[in-house]
Amino acid sequence: WIVSDGGLFGDLGYYGWVIANFKIIWEGRGRTPGHQHQLDSLRTESSGMLHVLTVLERLLPTKPLTCGRILVSSDNKTLVNRSRACKNAVRRSPREMTKPHM
């Protein structure tokens, strides 16, 4: 499992995350950067998810998975929907996504 959560305390954004199977394997936390007017639940939750996925990407070559599936969890519906959309998106090259110059 990968589980992350984030929140706000005044004008400070923060997050925490864990990677676990039946016990916690790795855990982390941090502050979410940004101006107080830009901080919201989605930003803090996304920062936590980005951090844990970056850590996982760096650690996998040195500590391979013992099972073939990773379950990701968040209580932020927008983050879950956007993650699903990215997972299901067709991968295209930059040339296919941009217009040719004049």
C-alpha atoms as a PDB file:
ATOM      1  CA  TRP A   1       0.000   0.000   0.000  1.00  0.00           C
ATOM      2  CA  ILE A   2       0.942   3.598  -0.597  1.00  0.00           C
ATOM      3  CA  VAL A   3      -1.106   5.992   1.515  1.00  0.00           C
ATOM      4  CA  SER A   4      -0.684   9.746   1.741  1.00  0.00           C
ATOM      5  CA  ASP A   5      -2.556  12.540   3.436  1.00  0.00           C
ATOM      6  CA  GLY A   6      -2.143  16.280   3.602  1.00  0.00           C
ATOM      7  CA  GLY A   7      -3.638  19.284   5.262  1.00  0.00           C
ATOM      8  CA  LEU A   8      -3.339  22.894   6.328  1.00  0.00           C
ATOM      9  CA  PHE A   9      -2.456  24.479   9.631  1.00  0.00           C
ATOM     10  CA  GLY A  10      -2.980  28.217   9.306  1.00  0.00           C
ATOM     11  CA  ASP A  11      -0.994  29.203   6.215  1.00  0.00           C
ATOM     12  CA  LEU A  12       1.296  26.142   6.300  1.00  0.00           C
ATOM     13  CA  GLY A  13       0.667  23.108   4.137  1.00  0.00           C
ATOM     14  CA  TYR A  14       1.928  19.681   5.207  1.00  0.00           C
ATOM     15  CA  TYR A  15       1.705  16.016   4.218  1.00  0.00           C
ATOM     16  CA  GLY A  16       2.625  12.561   5.432  1.00  0.00           C
ATOM     17  CA  TRP A  17       2.839   9.206   3.705  1.00  0.00           C
ATOM     18  CA  VAL A  18       3.575   5.528   4.320  1.00  0.00           C
ATOM     19  CA  ILE A  19       4.544   2.558   2.204  1.00  0.00           C
ATOM     20  CA  ALA A  20       3.356  -0.609   3.919  1.00  0.00           C
ATOM     21  CA  ASN A  21       2.341  -4.209   3.431  1.00  0.00           C
ATOM     22  CA  PHE A  22       1.138  -5.504   6.791  1.00  0.00           C
ATOM     23  CA  LYS A  23       3.641  -3.283   8.574  1.00  0.00           C
ATOM     24  CA  ILE A  24       5.111   0.125   7.764  1.00  0.00           C
ATOM     25  CA  ILE A  25       8.134  -0.248   5.502  1.00  0.00           C
ATOM     26  CA  TRP A  26       8.911   3.427   4.837  1.00  0.00           C
ATOM     27  CA  GLU A  27       7.306   6.657   5.959  1.00  0.00           C
ATOM     28  CA  GLY A  28       7.842  10.322   5.273  1.00  0.00           C
ATOM     29  CA  ARG A  29       6.461  13.796   5.802  1.00  0.00           C
ATOM     30  CA  GLY A  30       7.055  17.310   4.639  1.00  0.00           C
ATOM     31  CA  ARG A  31       5.817  20.822   4.070  1.00  0.00           C
ATOM     32  CA  THR A  32       3.964  21.853   0.960  1.00  0.00           C
ATOM     33  CA  PRO A  33       5.483  24.941  -0.665  1.00  0.00           C
ATOM     34  CA  GLY A  34       3.387  27.777  -1.998  1.00  0.00           C
ATOM     35  CA  HIS A  35       1.749  31.058  -1.190  1.00  0.00           C
ATOM     36  CA  GLN A  36      -1.023  30.807   1.404  1.00  0.00           C
ATOM     37  CA  HIS A  37      -3.615  31.685  -1.263  1.00  0.00           C
ATOM     38  CA  GLN A  38      -2.488  28.705  -3.378  1.00  0.00           C
ATOM     39  CA  LEU A  39      -2.563  26.136  -0.582  1.00  0.00           C
ATOM     40  CA  ASP A  40      -5.548  23.835  -0.399  1.00  0.00           C
ATOM     41  CA  SER A  41      -6.286  20.180   0.263  1.00  0.00           C
ATOM     42  CA  LEU A  42      -5.563  19.115  -3.310  1.00  0.00           C
ATOM     43  CA  ARG A  43      -2.151  20.804  -3.336  1.00  0.00           C
ATOM     44  CA  THR A  44      -1.055  19.329  -0.008  1.00  0.00           C
ATOM     45  CA  GLU A  45      -2.347  15.842  -0.861  1.00  0.00           C
ATOM     46  CA  SER A  46      -0.707  16.002  -4.305  1.00  0.00           C
ATOM     47  CA  SER A  47       2.621  17.048  -2.765  1.00  0.00           C
ATOM     48  CA  GLY A  48       2.534  14.011  -0.500  1.00  0.00           C
ATOM     49  CA  MET A  49       1.673  11.653  -3.350  1.00  0.00           C
ATOM     50  CA  LEU A  50       4.397  13.127  -5.562  1.00  0.00           C
ATOM     51  CA  HIS A  51       6.937  12.755  -2.755  1.00  0.00           C
ATOM     52  CA  VAL A  52       6.087   9.123  -1.974  1.00  0.00           C
ATOM     53  CA  LEU A  53       6.053   8.120  -5.661  1.00  0.00           C
ATOM     54  CA  THR A  54       9.432   9.822  -6.177  1.00  0.00           C
ATOM     55  CA  VAL A  55      10.866   7.982  -3.165  1.00  0.00           C
ATOM     56  CA  LEU A  56       9.431   4.698  -4.438  1.00  0.00           C
ATOM     57  CA  GLU A  57      10.929   5.247  -7.886  1.00  0.00           C
ATOM     58  CA  ARG A  58      14.359   5.834  -6.369  1.00  0.00           C
ATOM     59  CA  LEU A  59      14.184   2.899  -3.950  1.00  0.00           C
ATOM     60  CA  LEU A  60      12.793   0.214  -6.279  1.00  0.00           C
ATOM     61  CA  PRO A  61      16.110  -0.471  -8.040  1.00  0.00           C
ATOM     62  CA  THR A  62      17.761  -1.194  -4.665  1.00  0.00           C
ATOM     63  CA  LYS A  63      14.814  -2.909  -2.930  1.00  0.00           C
ATOM     64  CA  PRO A  64      12.640  -4.764  -5.447  1.00  0.00           C
ATOM     65  CA  LEU A  65       9.001  -5.535  -4.692  1.00  0.00           C
ATOM     66  CA  THR A  66       8.098  -8.972  -3.405  1.00  0.00           C
ATOM     67  CA  CYS A  67       4.641  -8.808  -5.001  1.00  0.00           C
ATOM     68  CA  GLY A  68       3.504  -7.522  -8.354  1.00  0.00           C
ATOM     69  CA  ARG A  69       0.919  -4.944  -7.310  1.00  0.00           C
ATOM     70  CA  ILE A  70       0.964  -1.557  -5.613  1.00  0.00           C
ATOM     71  CA  LEU A  71      -2.267  -0.100  -4.231  1.00  0.00           C
ATOM     72  CA  VAL A  72      -2.408   3.687  -3.898  1.00  0.00           C
ATOM     73  CA  SER A  73      -4.818   5.402  -1.523  1.00  0.00           C
ATOM     74  CA  SER A  74      -5.872   9.004  -0.921  1.00  0.00           C
ATOM     75  CA  ASP A  75      -8.957  10.587   0.609  1.00  0.00           C
ATOM     76  CA  ASN A  76      -8.907  13.433  -1.937  1.00  0.00           C
ATOM     77  CA  LYS A  77     -11.380  12.574  -4.712  1.00  0.00           C
ATOM     78  CA  THR A  78      -9.904  15.051  -7.206  1.00  0.00           C
ATOM     79  CA  LEU A  79      -6.422  13.579  -6.758  1.00  0.00           C
ATOM     80  CA  VAL A  80      -7.781  10.054  -7.212  1.00  0.00           C
ATOM     81  CA  ASN A  81      -9.702  11.047 -10.366  1.00  0.00           C
ATOM     82  CA  ARG A  82      -6.704  12.831 -11.877  1.00  0.00           C
ATOM     83  CA  SER A  83      -4.427   9.896 -11.069  1.00  0.00           C
ATOM     84  CA  ARG A  84      -6.878   7.528 -12.746  1.00  0.00           C
ATOM     85  CA  ALA A  85      -7.078   9.788 -15.801  1.00  0.00           C
ATOM     86  CA  CYS A  86      -3.272   9.828 -16.118  1.00  0.00           C
ATOM     87  CA  LYS A  87      -3.076   6.064 -15.731  1.00  0.00           C
ATOM     88  CA  ASN A  88      -5.665   5.551 -18.472  1.00  0.00           C
ATOM     89  CA  ALA A  89      -4.363   8.255 -20.808  1.00  0.00           C
ATOM     90  CA  VAL A  90      -2.851   7.402 -24.136  1.00  0.00           C
ATOM     91  CA  ARG A  91       0.862   8.183 -24.079  1.00  0.00           C
ATOM     92  CA  ARG A  92       1.784  10.557 -26.860  1.00  0.00           C
ATOM     93  CA  SER A  93       4.955  12.257 -27.936  1.00  0.00           C
ATOM     94  CA  PRO A  94       5.292  16.047 -27.586  1.00  0.00           C
ATOM     95  CA  ARG A  95       5.005  16.396 -31.379  1.00  0.00           C
ATOM     96  CA  GLU A  96       1.558  14.830 -31.292  1.00  0.00           C
ATOM     97  CA  MET A  97       0.404  17.191 -28.548  1.00  0.00           C
ATOM     98  CA  THR A  98       1.631  20.517 -29.944  1.00  0.00           C
ATOM     99  CA  LYS A  99       0.799  22.504 -33.047  1.00  0.00           C
ATOM    100  CA  PRO A 100       3.441  23.040 -35.685  1.00  0.00           C
ATOM    101  CA  HIS A 101       5.108  26.441 -35.761  1.00  0.00           C
ATOM    102  CA  MET A 102       4.072  28.955 -38.389  1.00  0.00           C
END
